[in-house]
Amino acid sequence: MAFWDERLSTVAVERALIAADASRAKRAAVVDQHAAIFILQGALDFLNRVLRGSDAGTGAME
């Protein structure tokens, strides 16, 4: 089990959607789905870094 801080995921997704010029209605329709994707991708990236660090024999994270 692990804890993952998701407090800023919605803010990050909102900013990305605004930068992509998504309408307010489109942002409202997809923000929760995209925030979930953002959180999952962050966790997967972290686990990948941890596993690659331990595979190198050093145990150090990049």
C-alpha atoms as a PDB file:
ATOM      1  CA  MET A   1       0.000   0.000   0.000  1.00  0.00           C
ATOM      2  CA  ALA A   2       1.173   3.516  -0.733  1.00  0.00           C
ATOM      3  CA  PHE A   3      -0.119   7.021  -0.228  1.00  0.00           C
ATOM      4  CA  TRP A   4      -0.271   9.379  -3.191  1.00  0.00           C
ATOM      5  CA  ASP A   5      -0.899  13.127  -2.913  1.00  0.00           C
ATOM      6  CA  GLU A   6      -3.564  14.046  -5.440  1.00  0.00           C
ATOM      7  CA  ARG A   7      -4.425  17.547  -4.237  1.00  0.00           C
ATOM      8  CA  LEU A   8      -3.038  19.433  -7.233  1.00  0.00           C
ATOM      9  CA  SER A   9      -4.030  16.989  -9.973  1.00  0.00           C
ATOM     10  CA  THR A  10      -7.241  18.839 -10.852  1.00  0.00           C
ATOM     11  CA  VAL A  11      -5.407  22.175 -10.992  1.00  0.00           C
ATOM     12  CA  ALA A  12      -2.727  20.727 -13.282  1.00  0.00           C
ATOM     13  CA  VAL A  13      -5.339  19.204 -15.582  1.00  0.00           C
ATOM     14  CA  GLU A  14      -7.377  22.433 -15.677  1.00  0.00           C
ATOM     15  CA  ARG A  15      -4.254  24.366 -16.702  1.00  0.00           C
ATOM     16  CA  ALA A  16      -3.406  21.840 -19.411  1.00  0.00           C
ATOM     17  CA  LEU A  17      -6.951  21.929 -20.795  1.00  0.00           C
ATOM     18  CA  ILE A  18      -6.969  25.734 -20.793  1.00  0.00           C
ATOM     19  CA  ALA A  19      -3.622  25.721 -22.608  1.00  0.00           C
ATOM     20  CA  ALA A  20      -5.158  23.339 -25.156  1.00  0.00           C
ATOM     21  CA  ASP A  21      -7.976  25.887 -25.615  1.00  0.00           C
ATOM     22  CA  ALA A  22     -10.688  23.496 -24.415  1.00  0.00           C
ATOM     23  CA  SER A  23     -14.044  25.145 -23.814  1.00  0.00           C
ATOM     24  CA  ARG A  24     -15.395  25.521 -20.291  1.00  0.00           C
ATOM     25  CA  ALA A  25     -18.074  22.896 -21.024  1.00  0.00           C
ATOM     26  CA  LYS A  26     -15.496  20.433 -22.376  1.00  0.00           C
ATOM     27  CA  ARG A  27     -13.238  20.987 -19.353  1.00  0.00           C
ATOM     28  CA  ALA A  28     -16.134  20.358 -16.970  1.00  0.00           C
ATOM     29  CA  ALA A  29     -17.006  17.144 -18.795  1.00  0.00           C
ATOM     30  CA  VAL A  30     -13.517  15.616 -18.716  1.00  0.00           C
ATOM     31  CA  VAL A  31     -11.601  17.156 -15.799  1.00  0.00           C
ATOM     32  CA  ASP A  32     -12.238  14.311 -13.333  1.00  0.00           C
ATOM     33  CA  GLN A  33     -11.307  11.631 -15.870  1.00  0.00           C
ATOM     34  CA  HIS A  34      -8.135  13.452 -16.841  1.00  0.00           C
ATOM     35  CA  ALA A  35      -7.218  14.066 -13.202  1.00  0.00           C
ATOM     36  CA  ALA A  36      -7.500  10.315 -12.546  1.00  0.00           C
ATOM     37  CA  ILE A  37      -5.231   9.650 -15.542  1.00  0.00           C
ATOM     38  CA  PHE A  38      -2.768  12.266 -14.270  1.00  0.00           C
ATOM     39  CA  ILE A  39      -2.644  10.642 -10.817  1.00  0.00           C
ATOM     40  CA  LEU A  40      -2.222   7.120 -12.219  1.00  0.00           C
ATOM     41  CA  GLN A  41       0.517   8.187 -14.635  1.00  0.00           C
ATOM     42  CA  GLY A  42       2.415   9.912 -11.828  1.00  0.00           C
ATOM     43  CA  ALA A  43       2.242   6.794  -9.666  1.00  0.00           C
ATOM     44  CA  LEU A  44       3.342   4.546 -12.540  1.00  0.00           C
ATOM     45  CA  ASP A  45       6.251   6.860 -13.388  1.00  0.00           C
ATOM     46  CA  PHE A  46       7.349   6.850  -9.743  1.00  0.00           C
ATOM     47  CA  LEU A  47       7.187   3.050  -9.505  1.00  0.00           C
ATOM     48  CA  ASN A  48       9.112   2.725 -12.758  1.00  0.00           C
ATOM     49  CA  ARG A  49      11.892   4.966 -11.406  1.00  0.00           C
ATOM     50  CA  VAL A  50      12.021   2.971  -8.161  1.00  0.00           C
ATOM     51  CA  LEU A  51      12.187  -0.367  -9.965  1.00  0.00           C
ATOM     52  CA  ARG A  52      14.849   0.797 -12.415  1.00  0.00           C
ATOM     53  CA  GLY A  53      16.903   2.148  -9.523  1.00  0.00           C
ATOM     54  CA  SER A  54      16.815  -1.181  -7.701  1.00  0.00           C
ATOM     55  CA  ASP A  55      17.601  -3.105 -10.912  1.00  0.00           C
ATOM     56  CA  ALA A  56      20.813  -1.121 -11.290  1.00  0.00           C
ATOM     57  CA  GLY A  57      22.064  -2.631  -8.053  1.00  0.00           C
ATOM     58  CA  THR A  58      22.493   0.721  -6.353  1.00  0.00           C
ATOM     59  CA  GLY A  59      19.010   1.070  -4.899  1.00  0.00           C
ATOM     60  CA  ALA A  60      19.199   4.776  -5.723  1.00  0.00           C
ATOM     61  CA  MET A  61      16.305   6.559  -7.334  1.00  0.00           C
ATOM     62  CA  GLU A  62      16.899   8.814 -10.300  1.00  0.00           C
END
